[in-house]
């Protein structure tokens, strides 16, 4: 597979192009659960939607206010994954988490804590 975002790496690492068949749409009728976070820079919801076009029996759960690394550890995702694996049919769903709070560069915010701020 060629590195589309950094084609200069193809030559450096000797990455061969696997061809159009490799990039062809996957098609399946196997029940599939897609989970993505609205703040996910690696696999955002739009990419999951594009991937699931070929999956006739799929569900997409979007976790609002979650990034790539926060998704799987969330109880909201775990609960839905367990239900899905138990054979329950799930609906597409938007699960909204509290917005992320960022530490201030200056000043003090009693609602935000982090060891680096102590």
PDB file of N, CA and C in Angstrom:
ATOM      1  N   UNK A   1       0.854  -1.183   0.000  1.00  0.00           N
ATOM      2  CA  UNK A   1       0.000   0.000   0.000  1.00  0.00           C
ATOM      3  C   UNK A   1       0.887   1.228   0.000  1.00  0.00           C
ATOM      4  N   UNK A   2       0.546   2.177  -0.785  1.00  0.00           N
ATOM      5  CA  UNK A   2       1.299   3.419  -0.821  1.00  0.00           C
ATOM      6  C   UNK A   2       0.780   4.339   0.273  1.00  0.00           C
ATOM      7  N   UNK A   3       1.664   5.146   0.793  1.00  0.00           N
ATOM      8  CA  UNK A   3       1.304   6.078   1.857  1.00  0.00           C
ATOM      9  C   UNK A   3       0.772   7.350   1.204  1.00  0.00           C
ATOM     10  N   UNK A   4      -0.542   7.461   1.098  1.00  0.00           N
ATOM     11  CA  UNK A   4      -1.141   8.591   0.379  1.00  0.00           C
ATOM     12  C   UNK A   4      -0.875   9.928   1.053  1.00  0.00           C
ATOM     13  N   UNK A   5      -0.800   9.954   2.376  1.00  0.00           N
ATOM     14  CA  UNK A   5      -0.594  11.226   3.044  1.00  0.00           C
ATOM     15  C   UNK A   5       0.871  11.649   3.005  1.00  0.00           C
ATOM     16  N   UNK A   6       1.787  10.704   2.824  1.00  0.00           N
ATOM     17  CA  UNK A   6       3.214  11.006   2.751  1.00  0.00           C
ATOM     18  C   UNK A   6       3.864  10.155   1.660  1.00  0.00           C
ATOM     19  N   UNK A   7       3.583  10.445   0.388  1.00  0.00           N
ATOM     20  CA  UNK A   7       4.099   9.606  -0.693  1.00  0.00           C
ATOM     21  C   UNK A   7       5.614   9.529  -0.725  1.00  0.00           C
ATOM     22  N   UNK A   8       6.291  10.519  -0.147  1.00  0.00           N
ATOM     23  CA  UNK A   8       7.750  10.484  -0.126  1.00  0.00           C
ATOM     24  C   UNK A   8       8.276   9.301   0.703  1.00  0.00           C
ATOM     25  N   UNK A   9       7.444   8.779   1.594  1.00  0.00           N
ATOM     26  CA  UNK A   9       7.852   7.625   2.392  1.00  0.00           C
ATOM     27  C   UNK A   9       7.849   6.334   1.581  1.00  0.00           C
ATOM     28  N   UNK A  10       7.062   6.277   0.520  1.00  0.00           N
ATOM     29  CA  UNK A  10       7.000   5.070  -0.306  1.00  0.00           C
ATOM     30  C   UNK A  10       8.378   4.666  -0.792  1.00  0.00           C
ATOM     31  N   UNK A  11       9.087   5.622  -1.368  1.00  0.00           N
ATOM     32  CA  UNK A  11      10.414   5.323  -1.909  1.00  0.00           C
ATOM     33  C   UNK A  11      11.404   5.053  -0.786  1.00  0.00           C
ATOM     34  N   UNK A  12      11.338   5.844   0.272  1.00  0.00           N
ATOM     35  CA  UNK A  12      12.270   5.690   1.390  1.00  0.00           C
ATOM     36  C   UNK A  12      12.178   4.305   2.011  1.00  0.00           C
ATOM     37  N   UNK A  13      10.968   3.819   2.204  1.00  0.00           N
ATOM     38  CA  UNK A  13      10.776   2.527   2.864  1.00  0.00           C
ATOM     39  C   UNK A  13      10.487   1.386   1.896  1.00  0.00           C
ATOM     40  N   UNK A  14      10.535   1.666   0.598  1.00  0.00           N
ATOM     41  CA  UNK A  14      10.307   0.621  -0.394  1.00  0.00           C
ATOM     42  C   UNK A  14       8.896   0.057  -0.355  1.00  0.00           C
ATOM     43  N   UNK A  15       7.914   0.925  -0.166  1.00  0.00           N
ATOM     44  CA  UNK A  15       6.521   0.487  -0.079  1.00  0.00           C
ATOM     45  C   UNK A  15       5.951   0.330  -1.481  1.00  0.00           C
ATOM     46  N   UNK A  16       5.498  -0.856  -1.796  1.00  0.00           N
ATOM     47  CA  UNK A  16       4.932  -1.125  -3.116  1.00  0.00           C
ATOM     48  C   UNK A  16       3.453  -0.787  -3.134  1.00  0.00           C
ATOM     49  N   UNK A  17       2.978  -0.345  -4.277  1.00  0.00           N
ATOM     50  CA  UNK A  17       1.555  -0.082  -4.458  1.00  0.00           C
ATOM     51  C   UNK A  17       0.837  -1.416  -4.624  1.00  0.00           C
ATOM     52  N   UNK A  18      -0.154  -1.683  -3.798  1.00  0.00           N
ATOM     53  CA  UNK A  18      -0.883  -2.952  -3.840  1.00  0.00           C
ATOM     54  C   UNK A  18      -2.009  -2.948  -4.866  1.00  0.00           C
ATOM     55  N   UNK A  19      -2.207  -1.852  -5.555  1.00  0.00           N
ATOM     56  CA  UNK A  19      -3.173  -1.819  -6.641  1.00  0.00           C
ATOM     57  C   UNK A  19      -4.579  -1.441  -6.221  1.00  0.00           C
ATOM     58  N   UNK A  20      -5.408  -1.240  -7.233  1.00  0.00           N
ATOM     59  CA  UNK A  20      -6.785  -0.805  -7.006  1.00  0.00           C
ATOM     60  C   UNK A  20      -7.623  -1.863  -6.296  1.00  0.00           C
ATOM     61  N   UNK A  21      -7.346  -3.139  -6.558  1.00  0.00           N
ATOM     62  CA  UNK A  21      -8.121  -4.201  -5.898  1.00  0.00           C
ATOM     63  C   UNK A  21      -7.976  -4.116  -4.380  1.00  0.00           C
ATOM     64  N   UNK A  22      -6.803  -3.718  -3.913  1.00  0.00           N
ATOM     65  CA  UNK A  22      -6.576  -3.568  -2.474  1.00  0.00           C
ATOM     66  C   UNK A  22      -7.446  -2.457  -1.889  1.00  0.00           C
ATOM     67  N   UNK A  23      -7.668  -1.416  -2.684  1.00  0.00           N
ATOM     68  CA  UNK A  23      -8.438  -0.268  -2.214  1.00  0.00           C
ATOM     69  C   UNK A  23      -9.927  -0.374  -2.540  1.00  0.00           C
ATOM     70  N   UNK A  24     -10.329  -1.483  -3.125  1.00  0.00           N
ATOM     71  CA  UNK A  24     -11.739  -1.656  -3.497  1.00  0.00           C
ATOM     72  C   UNK A  24     -12.615  -1.723  -2.245  1.00  0.00           C
ATOM     73  N   UNK A  25     -13.860  -1.352  -2.410  1.00  0.00           N
ATOM     74  CA  UNK A  25     -14.823  -1.372  -1.312  1.00  0.00           C
ATOM     75  C   UNK A  25     -15.001  -2.800  -0.793  1.00  0.00           C
ATOM     76  N   UNK A  26     -15.001  -2.935   0.518  1.00  0.00           N
ATOM     77  CA  UNK A  26     -15.292  -4.217   1.151  1.00  0.00           C
ATOM     78  C   UNK A  26     -16.802  -4.371   1.191  1.00  0.00           C
ATOM     79  N   UNK A  27     -17.286  -5.530   0.806  1.00  0.00           N
ATOM     80  CA  UNK A  27     -18.722  -5.786   0.845  1.00  0.00           C
ATOM     81  C   UNK A  27     -18.982  -7.005   1.713  1.00  0.00           C
ATOM     82  N   UNK A  28     -19.967  -6.879   2.610  1.00  0.00           N
ATOM     83  CA  UNK A  28     -20.270  -7.962   3.536  1.00  0.00           C
ATOM     84  C   UNK A  28     -21.685  -7.807   4.070  1.00  0.00           C
ATOM     85  N   UNK A  29     -22.316  -8.945   4.352  1.00  0.00           N
ATOM     86  CA  UNK A  29     -23.612  -8.915   5.024  1.00  0.00           C
ATOM     87  C   UNK A  29     -23.476  -9.379   6.475  1.00  0.00           C
ATOM     88  N   UNK A  30     -22.249  -9.540   6.948  1.00  0.00           N
ATOM     89  CA  UNK A  30     -21.992  -9.907   8.343  1.00  0.00           C
ATOM     90  C   UNK A  30     -22.271  -8.683   9.215  1.00  0.00           C
ATOM     91  N   UNK A  31     -23.050  -8.830  10.285  1.00  0.00           N
ATOM     92  CA  UNK A  31     -23.313  -7.691  11.167  1.00  0.00           C
ATOM     93  C   UNK A  31     -21.997  -7.067  11.653  1.00  0.00           C
ATOM     94  N   UNK A  32     -21.904  -5.760  11.506  1.00  0.00           N
ATOM     95  CA  UNK A  32     -20.667  -5.049  11.832  1.00  0.00           C
ATOM     96  C   UNK A  32     -20.999  -3.800  12.631  1.00  0.00           C
ATOM     97  N   UNK A  33     -20.223  -3.570  13.684  1.00  0.00           N
ATOM     98  CA  UNK A  33     -20.394  -2.382  14.515  1.00  0.00           C
ATOM     99  C   UNK A  33     -19.241  -1.422  14.242  1.00  0.00           C
ATOM    100  N   UNK A  34     -19.566  -0.224  13.786  1.00  0.00           N
ATOM    101  CA  UNK A  34     -18.584   0.835  13.596  1.00  0.00           C
ATOM    102  C   UNK A  34     -18.725   1.800  14.766  1.00  0.00           C
ATOM    103  N   UNK A  35     -17.604   2.186  15.363  1.00  0.00           N
ATOM    104  CA  UNK A  35     -17.598   3.156  16.456  1.00  0.00           C
ATOM    105  C   UNK A  35     -16.561   4.207  16.121  1.00  0.00           C
ATOM    106  N   UNK A  36     -16.946   5.463  16.221  1.00  0.00           N
ATOM    107  CA  UNK A  36     -15.992   6.536  15.951  1.00  0.00           C
ATOM    108  C   UNK A  36     -16.273   7.718  16.865  1.00  0.00           C
ATOM    109  N   UNK A  37     -15.266   8.550  17.038  1.00  0.00           N
ATOM    110  CA  UNK A  37     -15.393   9.734  17.876  1.00  0.00           C
ATOM    111  C   UNK A  37     -15.420  10.986  17.033  1.00  0.00           C
ATOM    112  N   UNK A  38     -16.200  11.957  17.455  1.00  0.00           N
ATOM    113  CA  UNK A  38     -16.320  13.191  16.682  1.00  0.00           C
ATOM    114  C   UNK A  38     -15.014  13.981  16.646  1.00  0.00           C
ATOM    115  N   UNK A  39     -14.116  13.725  17.600  1.00  0.00           N
ATOM    116  CA  UNK A  39     -12.834  14.433  17.649  1.00  0.00           C
ATOM    117  C   UNK A  39     -11.681  13.542  17.192  1.00  0.00           C
ATOM    118  N   UNK A  40     -12.004  12.457  16.529  1.00  0.00           N
ATOM    119  CA  UNK A  40     -11.003  11.489  16.082  1.00  0.00           C
ATOM    120  C   UNK A  40     -10.350  11.977  14.800  1.00  0.00           C
ATOM    121  N   UNK A  41      -9.087  12.319  14.873  1.00  0.00           N
ATOM    122  CA  UNK A  41      -8.373  12.790  13.701  1.00  0.00           C
ATOM    123  C   UNK A  41      -7.879  11.675  12.806  1.00  0.00           C
ATOM    124  N   UNK A  42      -7.833  10.438  13.316  1.00  0.00           N
ATOM    125  CA  UNK A  42      -7.340   9.301  12.532  1.00  0.00           C
ATOM    126  C   UNK A  42      -8.460   8.610  11.775  1.00  0.00           C
ATOM    127  N   UNK A  43      -9.537   8.324  12.459  1.00  0.00           N
ATOM    128  CA  UNK A  43     -10.670   7.629  11.838  1.00  0.00           C
ATOM    129  C   UNK A  43     -11.975   8.329  12.228  1.00  0.00           C
ATOM    130  N   UNK A  44     -12.206   9.512  11.681  1.00  0.00           N
ATOM    131  CA  UNK A  44     -13.410  10.273  12.034  1.00  0.00           C
ATOM    132  C   UNK A  44     -14.678   9.613  11.511  1.00  0.00           C
ATOM    133  N   UNK A  45     -15.840  10.037  11.999  1.00  0.00           N
ATOM    134  CA  UNK A  45     -17.108   9.449  11.577  1.00  0.00           C
ATOM    135  C   UNK A  45     -17.306   9.386  10.066  1.00  0.00           C
ATOM    136  N   UNK A  46     -16.852  10.377   9.339  1.00  0.00           N
ATOM    137  CA  UNK A  46     -17.034  10.364   7.882  1.00  0.00           C
ATOM    138  C   UNK A  46     -16.305   9.181   7.239  1.00  0.00           C
ATOM    139  N   UNK A  47     -15.156   8.810   7.766  1.00  0.00           N
ATOM    140  CA  UNK A  47     -14.435   7.653   7.222  1.00  0.00           C
ATOM    141  C   UNK A  47     -15.170   6.358   7.545  1.00  0.00           C
ATOM    142  N   UNK A  48     -15.740   6.269   8.737  1.00  0.00           N
ATOM    143  CA  UNK A  48     -16.522   5.074   9.081  1.00  0.00           C
ATOM    144  C   UNK A  48     -17.732   4.968   8.161  1.00  0.00           C
ATOM    145  N   UNK A  49     -18.370   6.092   7.888  1.00  0.00           N
ATOM    146  CA  UNK A  49     -19.529   6.084   6.995  1.00  0.00           C
ATOM    147  C   UNK A  49     -19.129   5.640   5.587  1.00  0.00           C
ATOM    148  N   UNK A  50     -17.978   6.101   5.139  1.00  0.00           N
ATOM    149  CA  UNK A  50     -17.508   5.698   3.807  1.00  0.00           C
ATOM    150  C   UNK A  50     -17.187   4.197   3.795  1.00  0.00           C
ATOM    151  N   UNK A  51     -16.562   3.698   4.835  1.00  0.00           N
ATOM    152  CA  UNK A  51     -16.207   2.273   4.901  1.00  0.00           C
ATOM    153  C   UNK A  51     -17.440   1.388   4.986  1.00  0.00           C
ATOM    154  N   UNK A  52     -18.466   1.838   5.668  1.00  0.00           N
ATOM    155  CA  UNK A  52     -19.630   0.974   5.888  1.00  0.00           C
ATOM    156  C   UNK A  52     -20.584   0.909   4.706  1.00  0.00           C
ATOM    157  N   UNK A  53     -20.327   1.648   3.654  1.00  0.00           N
ATOM    158  CA  UNK A  53     -21.197   1.624   2.471  1.00  0.00           C
ATOM    159  C   UNK A  53     -21.398   0.217   1.931  1.00  0.00           C
ATOM    160  N   UNK A  54     -20.392  -0.625   2.045  1.00  0.00           N
ATOM    161  CA  UNK A  54     -20.499  -1.985   1.529  1.00  0.00           C
ATOM    162  C   UNK A  54     -21.012  -2.990   2.543  1.00  0.00           C
ATOM    163  N   UNK A  55     -21.302  -2.546   3.749  1.00  0.00           N
ATOM    164  CA  UNK A  55     -21.781  -3.435   4.805  1.00  0.00           C
ATOM    165  C   UNK A  55     -23.294  -3.288   4.915  1.00  0.00           C
ATOM    166  N   UNK A  56     -24.016  -4.295   4.471  1.00  0.00           N
ATOM    167  CA  UNK A  56     -25.471  -4.185   4.417  1.00  0.00           C
ATOM    168  C   UNK A  56     -26.122  -4.296   5.789  1.00  0.00           C
ATOM    169  N   UNK A  57     -25.426  -4.861   6.763  1.00  0.00           N
ATOM    170  CA  UNK A  57     -25.966  -5.014   8.111  1.00  0.00           C
ATOM    171  C   UNK A  57     -24.986  -4.374   9.092  1.00  0.00           C
ATOM    172  N   UNK A  58     -25.003  -3.054   9.137  1.00  0.00           N
ATOM    173  CA  UNK A  58     -24.042  -2.369  10.009  1.00  0.00           C
ATOM    174  C   UNK A  58     -24.720  -1.325  10.864  1.00  0.00           C
ATOM    175  N   UNK A  59     -24.048  -0.998  11.937  1.00  0.00           N
ATOM    176  CA  UNK A  59     -24.492   0.030  12.868  1.00  0.00           C
ATOM    177  C   UNK A  59     -23.306   0.950  13.123  1.00  0.00           C
ATOM    178  N   UNK A  60     -23.567   2.238  13.252  1.00  0.00           N
ATOM    179  CA  UNK A  60     -22.502   3.201  13.526  1.00  0.00           C
ATOM    180  C   UNK A  60     -22.866   3.988  14.777  1.00  0.00           C
ATOM    181  N   UNK A  61     -22.023   3.875  15.784  1.00  0.00           N
ATOM    182  CA  UNK A  61     -22.189   4.640  17.016  1.00  0.00           C
ATOM    183  C   UNK A  61     -21.107   5.712  17.016  1.00  0.00           C
ATOM    184  N   UNK A  62     -21.533   6.968  17.044  1.00  0.00           N
ATOM    185  CA  UNK A  62     -20.606   8.092  17.085  1.00  0.00           C
ATOM    186  C   UNK A  62     -20.576   8.628  18.506  1.00  0.00           C
ATOM    187  N   UNK A  63     -19.376   8.773  19.031  1.00  0.00           N
ATOM    188  CA  UNK A  63     -19.205   9.308  20.384  1.00  0.00           C
ATOM    189  C   UNK A  63     -18.790  10.777  20.250  1.00  0.00           C
ATOM    190  N   UNK A  64     -19.735  11.646  20.548  1.00  0.00           N
ATOM    191  CA  UNK A  64     -19.504  13.094  20.472  1.00  0.00           C
ATOM    192  C   UNK A  64     -18.551  13.501  21.588  1.00  0.00           C
ATOM    193  N   UNK A  65     -17.546  14.315  21.255  1.00  0.00           N
ATOM    194  CA  UNK A  65     -16.542  14.830  22.189  1.00  0.00           C
ATOM    195  C   UNK A  65     -15.512  13.778  22.601  1.00  0.00           C
ATOM    196  N   UNK A  66     -15.282  12.771  21.764  1.00  0.00           N
ATOM    197  CA  UNK A  66     -14.246  11.773  22.051  1.00  0.00           C
ATOM    198  C   UNK A  66     -13.291  11.684  20.875  1.00  0.00           C
ATOM    199  N   UNK A  67     -12.021  11.508  21.208  1.00  0.00           N
ATOM    200  CA  UNK A  67     -11.001  11.324  20.184  1.00  0.00           C
ATOM    201  C   UNK A  67     -10.699   9.852  19.983  1.00  0.00           C
ATOM    202  N   UNK A  68      -9.678   9.575  19.199  1.00  0.00           N
ATOM    203  CA  UNK A  68      -9.335   8.208  18.808  1.00  0.00           C
ATOM    204  C   UNK A  68      -9.020   7.324  20.020  1.00  0.00           C
ATOM    205  N   UNK A  69      -8.211   7.806  20.918  1.00  0.00           N
ATOM    206  CA  UNK A  69      -7.756   6.984  22.036  1.00  0.00           C
ATOM    207  C   UNK A  69      -8.740   6.907  23.193  1.00  0.00           C
ATOM    208  N   UNK A  70      -9.714   7.780  23.226  1.00  0.00           N
ATOM    209  CA  UNK A  70     -10.676   7.768  24.331  1.00  0.00           C
ATOM    210  C   UNK A  70     -11.854   6.836  24.101  1.00  0.00           C
ATOM    211  N   UNK A  71     -12.052   6.374  22.886  1.00  0.00           N
ATOM    212  CA  UNK A  71     -13.286   5.677  22.549  1.00  0.00           C
ATOM    213  C   UNK A  71     -13.440   4.339  23.259  1.00  0.00           C
ATOM    214  N   UNK A  72     -12.477   3.451  23.112  1.00  0.00           N
ATOM    215  CA  UNK A  72     -12.668   2.077  23.575  1.00  0.00           C
ATOM    216  C   UNK A  72     -12.743   1.935  25.085  1.00  0.00           C
ATOM    217  N   UNK A  73     -12.165   2.836  25.818  1.00  0.00           N
ATOM    218  CA  UNK A  73     -12.226   2.742  27.276  1.00  0.00           C
ATOM    219  C   UNK A  73     -13.510   3.280  27.883  1.00  0.00           C
ATOM    220  N   UNK A  74     -14.369   3.830  27.077  1.00  0.00           N
ATOM    221  CA  UNK A  74     -15.596   4.443  27.579  1.00  0.00           C
ATOM    222  C   UNK A  74     -16.644   3.389  27.908  1.00  0.00           C
ATOM    223  N   UNK A  75     -17.284   3.472  29.079  1.00  0.00           N
ATOM    224  CA  UNK A  75     -18.341   2.511  29.427  1.00  0.00           C
ATOM    225  C   UNK A  75     -19.512   2.558  28.446  1.00  0.00           C
ATOM    226  N   UNK A  76     -19.757   3.736  27.858  1.00  0.00           N
ATOM    227  CA  UNK A  76     -20.849   3.867  26.896  1.00  0.00           C
ATOM    228  C   UNK A  76     -20.596   2.994  25.662  1.00  0.00           C
ATOM    229  N   UNK A  77     -19.342   2.865  25.265  1.00  0.00           N
ATOM    230  CA  UNK A  77     -18.975   2.043  24.112  1.00  0.00           C
ATOM    231  C   UNK A  77     -18.945   0.577  24.516  1.00  0.00           C
ATOM    232  N   UNK A  78     -18.368   0.291  25.665  1.00  0.00           N
ATOM    233  CA  UNK A  78     -18.279  -1.090  26.149  1.00  0.00           C
ATOM    234  C   UNK A  78     -19.662  -1.722  26.242  1.00  0.00           C
ATOM    235  N   UNK A  79     -20.603  -1.004  26.811  1.00  0.00           N
ATOM    236  CA  UNK A  79     -21.968  -1.521  26.978  1.00  0.00           C
ATOM    237  C   UNK A  79     -22.599  -1.840  25.629  1.00  0.00           C
ATOM    238  N   UNK A  80     -22.419  -0.966  24.668  1.00  0.00           N
ATOM    239  CA  UNK A  80     -22.998  -1.206  23.338  1.00  0.00           C
ATOM    240  C   UNK A  80     -22.291  -2.349  22.613  1.00  0.00           C
ATOM    241  N   UNK A  81     -20.973  -2.445  22.779  1.00  0.00           N
ATOM    242  CA  UNK A  81     -20.220  -3.532  22.152  1.00  0.00           C
ATOM    243  C   UNK A  81     -20.651  -4.888  22.719  1.00  0.00           C
ATOM    244  N   UNK A  82     -20.858  -4.960  24.021  1.00  0.00           N
ATOM    245  CA  UNK A  82     -21.311  -6.207  24.648  1.00  0.00           C
ATOM    246  C   UNK A  82     -22.682  -6.596  24.122  1.00  0.00           C
ATOM    247  N   UNK A  83     -23.584  -5.630  24.040  1.00  0.00           N
ATOM    248  CA  UNK A  83     -24.919  -5.912  23.503  1.00  0.00           C
ATOM    249  C   UNK A  83     -24.845  -6.384  22.048  1.00  0.00           C
ATOM    250  N   UNK A  84     -24.006  -5.734  21.252  1.00  0.00           N
ATOM    251  CA  UNK A  84     -23.843  -6.111  19.851  1.00  0.00           C
ATOM    252  C   UNK A  84     -23.299  -7.536  19.736  1.00  0.00           C
ATOM    253  N   UNK A  85     -22.275  -7.850  20.510  1.00  0.00           N
ATOM    254  CA  UNK A  85     -21.666  -9.181  20.457  1.00  0.00           C
ATOM    255  C   UNK A  85     -22.610 -10.265  20.985  1.00  0.00           C
ATOM    256  N   UNK A  86     -23.567  -9.868  21.801  1.00  0.00           N
ATOM    257  CA  UNK A  86     -24.570 -10.819  22.306  1.00  0.00           C
ATOM    258  C   UNK A  86     -25.677 -11.055  21.280  1.00  0.00           C
ATOM    259  N   UNK A  87     -25.603 -10.343  20.141  1.00  0.00           N
ATOM    260  CA  UNK A  87     -26.572 -10.556  19.079  1.00  0.00           C
ATOM    261  C   UNK A  87     -27.706  -9.556  19.036  1.00  0.00           C
ATOM    262  N   UNK A  88     -27.675  -8.554  19.912  1.00  0.00           N
ATOM    263  CA  UNK A  88     -28.734  -7.548  19.905  1.00  0.00           C
ATOM    264  C   UNK A  88     -28.555  -6.605  18.719  1.00  0.00           C
ATOM    265  N   UNK A  89     -29.639  -6.308  18.048  1.00  0.00           N
ATOM    266  CA  UNK A  89     -29.593  -5.352  16.940  1.00  0.00           C
ATOM    267  C   UNK A  89     -29.565  -3.942  17.521  1.00  0.00           C
ATOM    268  N   UNK A  90     -28.550  -3.182  17.170  1.00  0.00           N
ATOM    269  CA  UNK A  90     -28.428  -1.807  17.639  1.00  0.00           C
ATOM    270  C   UNK A  90     -28.796  -0.847  16.516  1.00  0.00           C
ATOM    271  N   UNK A  91     -29.186   0.339  16.891  1.00  0.00           N
ATOM    272  CA  UNK A  91     -29.497   1.395  15.931  1.00  0.00           C
ATOM    273  C   UNK A  91     -28.302   2.349  15.836  1.00  0.00           C
ATOM    274  N   UNK A  92     -28.161   3.027  14.712  1.00  0.00           N
ATOM    275  CA  UNK A  92     -27.180   4.103  14.627  1.00  0.00           C
ATOM    276  C   UNK A  92     -27.480   5.072  15.761  1.00  0.00           C
ATOM    277  N   UNK A  93     -26.430   5.600  16.350  1.00  0.00           N
ATOM    278  CA  UNK A  93     -26.652   6.412  17.543  1.00  0.00           C
ATOM    279  C   UNK A  93     -25.543   7.434  17.718  1.00  0.00           C
ATOM    280  N   UNK A  94     -25.899   8.584  18.258  1.00  0.00           N
ATOM    281  CA  UNK A  94     -24.950   9.605  18.670  1.00  0.00           C
ATOM    282  C   UNK A  94     -24.980   9.638  20.191  1.00  0.00           C
ATOM    283  N   UNK A  95     -23.848   9.332  20.809  1.00  0.00           N
ATOM    284  CA  UNK A  95     -23.724   9.365  22.264  1.00  0.00           C
ATOM    285  C   UNK A  95     -22.891  10.593  22.606  1.00  0.00           C
ATOM    286  N   UNK A  96     -23.461  11.508  23.362  1.00  0.00           N
ATOM    287  CA  UNK A  96     -22.772  12.764  23.662  1.00  0.00           C
ATOM    288  C   UNK A  96     -22.139  12.718  25.049  1.00  0.00           C
ATOM    289  N   UNK A  97     -20.831  12.940  25.074  1.00  0.00           N
ATOM    290  CA  UNK A  97     -20.088  13.043  26.327  1.00  0.00           C
ATOM    291  C   UNK A  97     -19.913  14.514  26.675  1.00  0.00           C
ATOM    292  N   UNK A  98     -19.522  14.773  27.889  1.00  0.00           N
ATOM    293  CA  UNK A  98     -19.232  16.156  28.287  1.00  0.00           C
ATOM    294  C   UNK A  98     -18.095  16.695  27.440  1.00  0.00           C
ATOM    295  N   UNK A  99     -18.150  17.982  27.114  1.00  0.00           N
ATOM    296  CA  UNK A  99     -17.057  18.565  26.326  1.00  0.00           C
ATOM    297  C   UNK A  99     -15.725  18.438  27.057  1.00  0.00           C
ATOM    298  N   UNK A 100     -14.664  18.340  26.291  1.00  0.00           N
ATOM    299  CA  UNK A 100     -13.318  18.276  26.867  1.00  0.00           C
ATOM    300  C   UNK A 100     -12.979  19.638  27.440  1.00  0.00           C
ATOM    301  N   UNK A 101     -12.381  19.626  28.622  1.00  0.00           N
ATOM    302  CA  UNK A 101     -11.927  20.876  29.230  1.00  0.00           C
ATOM    303  C   UNK A 101     -10.418  20.941  29.086  1.00  0.00           C
ATOM    304  N   UNK A 102      -9.963  22.036  28.555  1.00  0.00           N
ATOM    305  CA  UNK A 102      -8.537  22.219  28.353  1.00  0.00           C
ATOM    306  C   UNK A 102      -7.968  23.067  29.482  1.00  0.00           C
ATOM    307  N   UNK A 103      -6.743  22.731  29.889  1.00  0.00           N
ATOM    308  CA  UNK A 103      -6.067  23.518  30.918  1.00  0.00           C
ATOM    309  C   UNK A 103      -5.698  24.875  30.343  1.00  0.00           C
ATOM    310  N   UNK A 104      -5.882  25.904  31.149  1.00  0.00           N
ATOM    311  CA  UNK A 104      -5.549  27.253  30.715  1.00  0.00           C
ATOM    312  C   UNK A 104      -4.033  27.432  30.693  1.00  0.00           C
ATOM    313  N   UNK A 105      -3.541  28.168  29.717  1.00  0.00           N
ATOM    314  CA  UNK A 105      -2.120  28.464  29.688  1.00  0.00           C
ATOM    315  C   UNK A 105      -1.762  29.494  30.747  1.00  0.00           C
ATOM    316  N   UNK A 106      -2.724  30.324  31.059  1.00  0.00           N
ATOM    317  CA  UNK A 106      -2.523  31.335  32.090  1.00  0.00           C
ATOM    318  C   UNK A 106      -3.764  31.399  32.953  1.00  0.00           C
ATOM    319  N   UNK A 107      -3.585  31.789  34.196  1.00  0.00           N
ATOM    320  CA  UNK A 107      -4.727  31.904  35.089  1.00  0.00           C
ATOM    321  C   UNK A 107      -5.057  30.574  35.745  1.00  0.00           C
ATOM    322  N   UNK A 108      -6.186  30.544  36.433  1.00  0.00           N
ATOM    323  CA  UNK A 108      -6.565  29.362  37.190  1.00  0.00           C
ATOM    324  C   UNK A 108      -8.026  29.037  36.917  1.00  0.00           C
ATOM    325  N   UNK A 109      -8.311  27.769  36.747  1.00  0.00           N
ATOM    326  CA  UNK A 109      -9.675  27.307  36.543  1.00  0.00           C
ATOM    327  C   UNK A 109      -9.890  26.130  37.495  1.00  0.00           C
ATOM    328  N   UNK A 110     -10.672  26.294  38.544  1.00  0.00           N
ATOM    329  CA  UNK A 110     -10.850  25.227  39.536  1.00  0.00           C
ATOM    330  C   UNK A 110     -11.520  23.977  38.971  1.00  0.00           C
ATOM    331  N   UNK A 111     -12.121  24.064  37.782  1.00  0.00           N
ATOM    332  CA  UNK A 111     -12.779  22.885  37.185  1.00  0.00           C
ATOM    333  C   UNK A 111     -11.794  21.997  36.443  1.00  0.00           C
ATOM    334  N   UNK A 112     -10.563  22.473  36.246  1.00  0.00           N
ATOM    335  CA  UNK A 112      -9.560  21.720  35.486  1.00  0.00           C
ATOM    336  C   UNK A 112      -8.408  21.358  36.387  1.00  0.00           C
ATOM    337  N   UNK A 113      -8.031  20.091  36.378  1.00  0.00           N
ATOM    338  CA  UNK A 113      -6.852  19.681  37.155  1.00  0.00           C
ATOM    339  C   UNK A 113      -5.988  18.753  36.307  1.00  0.00           C
ATOM    340  N   UNK A 114      -4.708  18.837  36.560  1.00  0.00           N
ATOM    341  CA  UNK A 114      -3.742  17.981  35.876  1.00  0.00           C
ATOM    342  C   UNK A 114      -2.446  18.052  36.684  1.00  0.00           C
ATOM    343  N   UNK A 115      -1.743  16.928  36.813  1.00  0.00           N
ATOM    344  CA  UNK A 115      -0.488  16.947  37.608  1.00  0.00           C
ATOM    345  C   UNK A 115       0.508  17.995  37.152  1.00  0.00           C
ATOM    346  N   UNK A 116       0.546  18.310  35.863  1.00  0.00           N
ATOM    347  CA  UNK A 116       1.491  19.300  35.362  1.00  0.00           C
ATOM    348  C   UNK A 116       1.153  20.702  35.848  1.00  0.00           C
ATOM    349  N   UNK A 117      -0.075  20.907  36.330  1.00  0.00           N
ATOM    350  CA  UNK A 117      -0.479  22.231  36.785  1.00  0.00           C
ATOM    351  C   UNK A 117      -0.172  22.445  38.267  1.00  0.00           C
ATOM    352  N   UNK A 118       0.203  21.381  38.961  1.00  0.00           N
ATOM    353  CA  UNK A 118       0.478  21.513  40.412  1.00  0.00           C
ATOM    354  C   UNK A 118       1.833  22.112  40.679  1.00  0.00           C
TER     355      UNK A 118
END
